[in-house]
Protein backbone atom coordinates (compact mmCIF):
# COMPACT_ATOMS: atom_id res chain seq x y z
CA UNK A 1 -4.72 0.92 -1.65
CA UNK A 2 -6.51 -2.04 -3.22
CA UNK A 3 -6.30 -5.34 -1.36
CA UNK A 4 -4.87 -8.76 -2.19
CA UNK A 5 -7.21 -11.73 -1.70
CA UNK A 6 -5.76 -15.20 -1.13
CA UNK A 7 -7.75 -18.44 -1.19
CA UNK A 8 -6.36 -21.62 0.32
CA UNK A 9 -5.90 -23.78 3.40
CA UNK A 10 -4.60 -22.91 6.85
CA UNK A 11 -2.58 -25.65 8.50
CA UNK A 12 -1.06 -26.57 11.81
CA UNK A 13 2.68 -27.21 11.40
CA UNK A 14 4.27 -29.70 13.79
CA UNK A 15 8.06 -30.03 13.80
CA UNK A 16 10.60 -31.76 16.04
CA UNK A 17 12.89 -29.23 17.71
CA UNK A 18 15.91 -28.19 15.64
CA UNK A 19 17.07 -30.91 13.29
CA UNK A 20 15.80 -33.91 15.21
CA UNK A 21 14.30 -36.79 13.28
CA UNK A 22 10.73 -37.86 13.90
CA UNK A 23 12.06 -40.96 15.69
CA UNK A 24 13.95 -38.78 18.17
CA UNK A 25 11.19 -36.30 18.96
CA UNK A 26 9.46 -36.30 22.33
CA UNK A 27 7.69 -33.01 21.58
CA UNK A 28 6.77 -30.91 18.56
CA UNK A 29 7.01 -27.18 17.94
CA UNK A 30 3.72 -25.64 16.76
CA UNK A 31 3.30 -23.08 14.03
CA UNK A 32 0.62 -22.22 11.47
CA UNK A 33 1.07 -22.19 7.73
CA UNK A 34 -0.45 -22.41 4.28
CA UNK A 35 0.92 -21.17 0.96
CA UNK A 36 -1.55 -18.34 0.47
CA UNK A 37 -1.53 -17.41 4.16
CA UNK A 38 2.28 -17.22 4.04
CA UNK A 39 2.09 -14.79 1.13
CA UNK A 40 -0.50 -12.59 2.81
CA UNK A 41 1.46 -12.34 6.07
CA UNK A 42 4.42 -10.92 4.17
CA UNK A 43 2.25 -8.45 2.28
CA UNK A 44 0.36 -7.41 5.42
CA UNK A 45 3.46 -6.62 7.50
CA UNK A 46 4.64 -4.50 4.58
CA UNK A 47 1.51 -2.38 4.53
CA UNK A 48 -0.59 -4.10 1.86
CA UNK A 49 -4.29 -4.69 2.73
CA UNK A 50 -5.05 -8.40 2.56
CA UNK A 51 -7.94 -10.83 2.91
CA UNK A 52 -7.50 -14.55 3.53
CA UNK A 53 -10.36 -16.78 2.43
CA UNK A 54 -10.63 -20.32 3.74
CA UNK A 55 -12.91 -22.72 5.65
CA UNK A 56 -12.05 -23.91 9.14
CA UNK A 57 -13.71 -25.95 11.88
CA UNK A 58 -15.32 -23.82 14.55
CA UNK A 59 -13.02 -24.70 17.45
CA UNK A 60 -10.22 -23.37 19.63
CA UNK A 61 -7.41 -24.58 17.37
CA UNK A 62 -8.83 -22.58 14.48
CA UNK A 63 -9.06 -19.61 16.83
CA UNK A 64 -5.35 -19.98 17.58
CA UNK A 65 -4.48 -20.21 13.88
CA UNK A 66 -6.52 -17.12 13.03
CA UNK A 67 -5.05 -15.21 15.98
CA UNK A 68 -1.60 -15.82 14.52
CA UNK A 69 -2.67 -14.29 11.19
CA UNK A 70 -4.39 -11.36 12.91
CA UNK A 71 -1.18 -10.70 14.80
CA UNK A 72 0.43 -9.78 11.49
CA UNK A 73 -2.54 -7.83 10.14
CA UNK A 74 -4.08 -10.32 7.71
CA UNK A 75 -7.79 -9.74 7.07
CA UNK A 76 -10.11 -12.59 8.06
CA UNK A 77 -13.58 -11.20 7.39
CA UNK A 78 -14.50 -13.95 4.92
CA UNK A 79 -13.46 -17.15 6.69
CA UNK A 80 -16.19 -19.80 6.48
CA UNK A 81 -16.67 -22.30 9.30
CA UNK A 82 -17.45 -25.99 9.10
CA UNK A 83 -15.85 -29.41 9.01
CA UNK A 84 -14.37 -31.49 11.79
CA UNK A 85 -10.71 -30.54 11.95
CA UNK A 86 -7.91 -28.26 10.83
CA UNK A 87 -5.31 -29.60 8.43
CA UNK A 88 -1.83 -30.42 9.70
CA UNK A 89 1.57 -31.27 8.37
CA UNK A 90 4.63 -32.69 10.06
CA UNK A 91 8.07 -31.42 9.03
CA UNK A 92 11.39 -33.09 9.72
CA UNK A 93 14.08 -30.58 8.77
CA UNK A 94 16.95 -32.06 6.80
CA UNK A 95 20.61 -31.09 6.88
CA UNK A 96 23.57 -31.60 4.58
CA UNK A 97 22.92 -34.83 2.62
CA UNK A 98 19.75 -35.72 4.57
CA UNK A 99 16.65 -34.21 2.92
CA UNK A 100 13.71 -32.70 4.76
CA UNK A 101 10.61 -34.86 5.04
CA UNK A 102 6.94 -33.85 5.14
CA UNK A 103 3.92 -35.92 6.18
CA UNK A 104 0.47 -34.46 5.42
CA UNK A 105 -2.65 -34.97 7.51
CA UNK A 106 -5.29 -33.17 5.43
CA UNK A 107 -8.33 -35.40 5.00
CA UNK A 108 -11.82 -34.46 6.28
CA UNK A 109 -10.71 -30.92 7.14
CA UNK A 110 -12.74 -27.74 7.01
CA UNK A 111 -11.64 -26.77 3.53
CA UNK A 112 -11.74 -30.37 2.23
CA UNK A 113 -15.48 -30.47 2.87
CA UNK A 114 -16.18 -26.96 1.56
CA UNK A 115 -19.03 -26.27 -0.86
CA UNK A 116 -19.51 -23.36 -3.31
CA UNK A 117 -22.15 -21.85 -0.99
CA UNK A 118 -19.45 -21.19 1.64
CA UNK A 119 -17.94 -18.33 -0.38
CA UNK A 120 -19.65 -15.13 -1.53
CA UNK A 121 -17.15 -13.94 -4.12
CA UNK A 122 -19.12 -10.79 -4.83
CA UNK A 123 -18.49 -9.64 -1.28
CA UNK A 124 -15.00 -11.16 -1.02
CA UNK A 125 -13.68 -9.33 -4.09
CA UNK A 126 -14.99 -5.92 -3.12
CA UNK A 127 -12.06 -3.51 -3.40
CA UNK A 128 -9.61 -6.22 -4.51
CA UNK A 129 -6.90 -5.65 -7.10
CA UNK A 130 -5.19 -9.08 -6.99
CA UNK A 131 -6.33 -12.64 -6.34
CA UNK A 132 -3.79 -15.35 -5.55
CA UNK A 133 -4.21 -19.11 -5.27
CA UNK A 134 -1.91 -22.09 -5.69
CA UNK A 135 -2.00 -25.58 -7.13
CA UNK A 136 -2.16 -26.88 -3.57
CA UNK A 137 -5.79 -25.84 -3.11
CA UNK A 138 -7.71 -27.72 -5.88
CA UNK A 139 -6.76 -31.26 -4.72
CA UNK A 140 -7.85 -30.74 -1.13
CA UNK A 141 -11.50 -31.71 -1.62
CA UNK A 142 -13.96 -32.84 -4.29
CA UNK A 143 -15.52 -29.39 -4.68
CA UNK A 144 -12.29 -27.39 -4.63
CA UNK A 145 -11.48 -27.47 -8.37
CA UNK A 146 -14.92 -26.04 -9.12
CA UNK A 147 -14.67 -23.49 -6.30
CA UNK A 148 -11.27 -22.33 -7.57
CA UNK A 149 -12.66 -21.96 -11.09
CA UNK A 150 -15.65 -20.02 -9.83
CA UNK A 151 -13.35 -17.69 -7.90
CA UNK A 152 -11.16 -17.17 -10.98
CA UNK A 153 -14.18 -16.56 -13.18
CA UNK A 154 -15.56 -13.94 -10.79
CA UNK A 155 -12.15 -12.28 -10.38
CA UNK A 156 -11.64 -12.15 -14.14
CA UNK A 157 -15.09 -10.61 -14.61
CA UNK A 158 -14.10 -7.80 -12.24
CA UNK A 159 -10.74 -7.13 -13.90
CA UNK A 160 -8.80 -8.41 -10.89
CA UNK A 161 -5.26 -9.62 -11.62
CA UNK A 162 -5.11 -13.38 -10.99
CA UNK A 163 -1.83 -14.83 -9.74
CA UNK A 164 -1.22 -18.58 -9.56
CA UNK A 165 1.74 -20.48 -8.15
CA UNK A 166 1.53 -24.00 -9.61
CA UNK A 167 3.02 -25.65 -6.49
CA UNK A 168 2.45 -29.25 -7.63
CA UNK A 169 2.42 -31.62 -4.66
CA UNK A 170 2.61 -35.29 -5.59
CA UNK A 171 1.44 -36.30 -2.09
CA UNK A 172 -1.90 -34.56 -2.68
CA UNK A 173 -2.98 -35.74 -6.13
CA UNK A 174 -1.94 -37.67 -9.19
CA UNK A 175 0.00 -36.03 -11.99
CA UNK A 176 -2.85 -36.79 -14.41
CA UNK A 177 -5.46 -35.06 -12.21
CA UNK A 178 -3.16 -32.13 -11.51
CA UNK A 179 -2.34 -31.57 -15.16
CA UNK A 180 -5.97 -31.76 -16.26
CA UNK A 181 -7.25 -29.42 -13.53
CA UNK A 182 -4.51 -26.82 -13.73
CA UNK A 183 -4.68 -26.69 -17.54
CA UNK A 184 -8.38 -25.93 -17.16
CA UNK A 185 -7.64 -23.05 -14.75
CA UNK A 186 -4.77 -21.50 -16.72
CA UNK A 187 -6.91 -19.44 -19.16
CA UNK A 188 -8.05 -17.32 -16.20
CA UNK A 189 -4.52 -16.67 -14.90
CA UNK A 190 -2.61 -13.44 -15.59
CA UNK A 191 0.63 -14.15 -13.71
CA UNK A 192 2.01 -17.69 -13.41
CA UNK A 193 4.78 -18.75 -11.04
CA UNK A 194 6.33 -22.19 -11.25
CA UNK A 195 9.46 -24.26 -10.87
CA UNK A 196 11.25 -26.43 -13.38
CA UNK A 197 9.53 -29.65 -12.38
CA UNK A 198 6.08 -28.04 -12.34
CA UNK A 199 6.39 -26.85 -15.94
CA UNK A 200 7.70 -30.20 -17.11
CA UNK A 201 5.24 -32.42 -15.25
CA UNK A 202 2.02 -30.43 -15.69
CA UNK A 203 2.56 -28.87 -19.12
CA UNK A 204 5.25 -31.02 -20.73
CA UNK A 205 7.55 -28.03 -21.14
CA UNK A 206 11.12 -28.98 -20.28
CA UNK A 207 13.72 -26.60 -18.84
CA UNK A 208 16.96 -28.58 -18.99
CA UNK A 209 19.92 -27.77 -16.80
CA UNK A 210 22.92 -26.06 -18.33
CA UNK A 211 25.93 -27.96 -19.56
CA UNK A 212 27.96 -26.64 -16.63
CA UNK A 213 26.38 -28.95 -14.09
CA UNK A 214 23.64 -31.46 -13.52
CA UNK A 215 21.50 -29.14 -11.40
CA UNK A 216 22.61 -25.74 -12.68
CA UNK A 217 19.63 -23.82 -14.12
CA UNK A 218 19.99 -22.50 -17.67
CA UNK A 219 18.26 -19.09 -17.84
CA UNK A 220 17.91 -19.33 -21.62
CA UNK A 221 15.98 -22.60 -21.28
CA UNK A 222 13.71 -21.09 -18.64
CA UNK A 223 13.10 -18.04 -20.83
CA UNK A 224 12.14 -20.30 -23.73
CA UNK A 225 9.77 -22.24 -21.47
CA UNK A 226 8.19 -19.00 -20.22
CA UNK A 227 7.76 -17.80 -23.79
CA UNK A 228 6.03 -21.05 -24.75
CA UNK A 229 3.74 -20.92 -21.72
CA UNK A 230 2.84 -17.34 -22.62
CA UNK A 231 2.11 -18.39 -26.20
CA UNK A 232 -0.19 -21.18 -25.05
CA UNK A 233 -2.12 -19.33 -22.33
CA UNK A 234 -1.61 -15.59 -23.04
CA UNK A 235 -0.18 -14.87 -19.58
CA UNK A 236 0.82 -11.31 -18.80
CA UNK A 237 3.89 -12.61 -16.97
CA UNK A 238 5.55 -15.93 -16.17
CA UNK A 239 8.09 -16.30 -13.36
CA UNK A 240 10.37 -19.18 -12.46
CA UNK A 241 12.30 -19.80 -9.29
CA UNK A 242 15.81 -21.01 -10.11
CA UNK A 243 17.32 -23.24 -7.47
CA UNK A 244 20.66 -25.00 -7.65
CA UNK A 245 20.68 -27.47 -4.77
CA UNK A 246 24.06 -27.99 -3.18
CA UNK A 247 22.72 -29.95 -0.21
CA UNK A 248 19.78 -29.85 2.19
CA UNK A 249 21.68 -27.08 4.00
CA UNK A 250 22.90 -24.94 1.12
CA UNK A 251 21.43 -23.70 -2.13
CA UNK A 252 21.95 -21.08 -4.82
CA UNK A 253 18.71 -19.20 -5.37
CA UNK A 254 17.65 -16.94 -8.22
CA UNK A 255 14.63 -16.15 -10.36
CA UNK A 256 13.46 -15.30 -13.87
CA UNK A 257 10.57 -13.12 -14.96
CA UNK A 258 9.22 -13.13 -18.51
CA UNK A 259 6.94 -10.22 -19.36
CA UNK A 260 6.35 -7.99 -22.36
CA UNK A 261 8.23 -10.41 -24.59
CA UNK A 262 11.45 -10.06 -22.59
CA UNK A 263 13.16 -12.22 -19.97
CA UNK A 264 14.71 -10.72 -16.83
CA UNK A 265 17.11 -12.69 -14.59
CA UNK A 266 17.96 -11.94 -10.96
CA UNK A 267 21.35 -12.35 -9.36
CA UNK A 268 21.96 -15.62 -7.56
CA UNK A 269 22.24 -15.85 -3.78
CA UNK A 270 24.10 -18.63 -2.02
CA UNK A 271 21.97 -19.39 1.04
CA UNK A 272 22.84 -21.42 4.10
CA UNK A 273 19.31 -22.60 4.82
CA UNK A 274 17.63 -22.12 8.17
CA UNK A 275 14.13 -23.11 7.00
CA UNK A 276 13.39 -23.36 3.29
CA UNK A 277 9.63 -23.95 3.67
CA UNK A 278 7.81 -20.89 2.38
CA UNK A 279 10.64 -19.73 0.13
CA UNK A 280 8.54 -20.07 -3.01
CA UNK A 281 5.57 -18.38 -1.32
CA UNK A 282 7.82 -15.43 -0.50
CA UNK A 283 8.93 -15.19 -4.12
CA UNK A 284 5.30 -14.96 -5.26
CA UNK A 285 4.46 -12.44 -2.53
CA UNK A 286 7.48 -10.36 -3.54
CA UNK A 287 6.31 -10.30 -7.15
CA UNK A 288 2.86 -9.13 -6.07
CA UNK A 289 4.43 -6.44 -3.87
CA UNK A 290 6.53 -5.21 -6.78
CA UNK A 291 3.51 -5.11 -9.08
CA UNK A 292 1.49 -3.15 -6.51
CA UNK A 293 4.35 -0.68 -6.08
CA UNK A 294 4.64 -0.31 -9.89
CA UNK A 295 8.28 -1.36 -9.90
CA UNK A 296 9.82 -2.03 -13.30
CA UNK A 297 10.15 -5.74 -14.21
CA UNK A 298 13.81 -6.06 -13.22
CA UNK A 299 13.28 -4.41 -9.83
CA UNK A 300 10.14 -6.48 -9.25
CA UNK A 301 12.10 -9.68 -9.89
CA UNK A 302 15.10 -8.55 -7.85
CA UNK A 303 12.85 -7.67 -4.92
CA UNK A 304 11.00 -11.02 -5.09
CA UNK A 305 14.23 -13.01 -5.28
CA UNK A 306 15.82 -11.15 -2.36
CA UNK A 307 12.62 -11.53 -0.32
CA UNK A 308 12.59 -15.28 -0.82
CA UNK A 309 16.31 -15.42 -0.07
CA UNK A 310 15.75 -13.76 3.31
CA UNK A 311 12.78 -16.00 4.11
CA UNK A 312 14.96 -19.09 3.89
CA UNK A 313 17.08 -17.70 6.72
CA UNK A 314 14.02 -17.37 9.01
CA UNK A 315 12.56 -20.15 11.14
CA UNK A 316 9.05 -21.38 10.34
CA UNK A 317 6.90 -20.56 7.32
CA UNK A 318 6.22 -16.81 7.43
CA UNK A 319 8.58 -14.33 5.79
CA UNK A 320 8.94 -11.68 8.49
CA UNK A 321 11.20 -9.47 6.38
CA UNK A 322 10.48 -5.81 5.76
CA UNK A 323 10.78 -4.02 2.44
CA UNK A 324 13.70 -1.84 3.54
CA UNK A 325 15.67 -4.93 4.60
CA UNK A 326 14.95 -6.56 1.25
CA UNK A 327 16.03 -3.46 -0.66
CA UNK A 328 19.37 -3.57 1.17
CA UNK A 329 19.93 -7.09 -0.14
CA UNK A 330 18.89 -6.00 -3.65
CA UNK A 331 21.44 -3.17 -3.46
CA UNK A 332 24.22 -5.64 -2.61
CA UNK A 333 24.25 -5.36 1.18
CA UNK A 334 24.11 -9.09 1.86
CA UNK A 335 27.11 -9.67 4.08
CA UNK A 336 25.14 -10.61 7.18
CA UNK A 337 27.11 -8.22 9.38
CA UNK A 338 25.48 -6.95 12.57
CA UNK A 339 23.56 -3.75 11.97
CA UNK A 340 23.93 -1.35 14.91
C-alpha cells in the first residue's frame, strides 16, 4: 500500500493534571503532539504506511518524542536534525463555561530554523500516494512558506494527492500573512479541510449560522462555501468540520464533504469532551483513511466524523481509535455501554 507523508512540527505538550489551572499546577503531564504527527499516528495504528518529515534538535528530548511516534508505527526515516530546542505548548483544559487556554513556546526551534536543503523531497516522496500539511507549518520560520511550496510543487509533479487542513492559528501569525501565504499554496491542494472561521478569515467566504441558533451550523451555507472554494481553486474535495459549542465540556460535532459537485453531511454527535485537542486532526486523518480504502464519499465523511468524535473522548492528542471501533459508531452503536 502506498504511504502517507506528513510535514510539520513535533511538539512537547505540557498540561496541569486534570482540569487544574496553570496557577494551581505544581507539576505538568508530558505528551508529544503536532497536527501532522497526530494524523499519522492514527493512520499508522490502522495499518497505513506513514512517513513523518520534520526537523528536530539532536538531543534526548527529541529522542523521546520520536520514540513515542515509533511506538505507534510512524515512519521517521526523513527527520532532519538541527536547531537548539524542540517546540512546546502548554494546555490548560477548560470545563463548562471556562474555556481551554494554550500558550505556545515555538521560537528558535529545530523546524523554525530549517532550510530547503534539510529536505530531499525526491527521496521523501518515493512510494507516496498522499501528502498532508497544515496551515500551522508555514508560520513557524522564515523559510517554511517556501519549503511548504517546494514540497507541494514536488508532490504535484509526482501525481501525489495533496491534503491541507487550513488550521489558522492567530497566535502564530497575522491574518494578513496567513491569507497571503495560504492563498499562494491553494493551487497545489487537491483536498482542503477547514472550519467556518478559517474560510471566513483567510478567504472571505462566510458560512453563517442557521436561524435556529447563534452557533448552529447551517449545512446549506457550508455547502455553498465549499462550492465557491472549489470554483476558485479547482479542489477535488472540500471538507468542513461542523461544531456547535454548548460549553467547554460539551459539543455537537458533525462534518460536510463537497466532492463531485455534491455535498454530503454526516450525522451529528453530542460529545461530552475529555480532550478536544486533535479532534480536527482526526477528522482529516479519517478522510485520508476513507480515500485510501476507496470508500464512497458518504462513508468517507461518516468515518472521518466518527473518528474525530471518538478522539475527543480520549486523553491527550493522539486518536488511538481503531477502524472497527469507528465503524461501530458509524453504524449507530454509540451508547458507550461496556463491551464484554
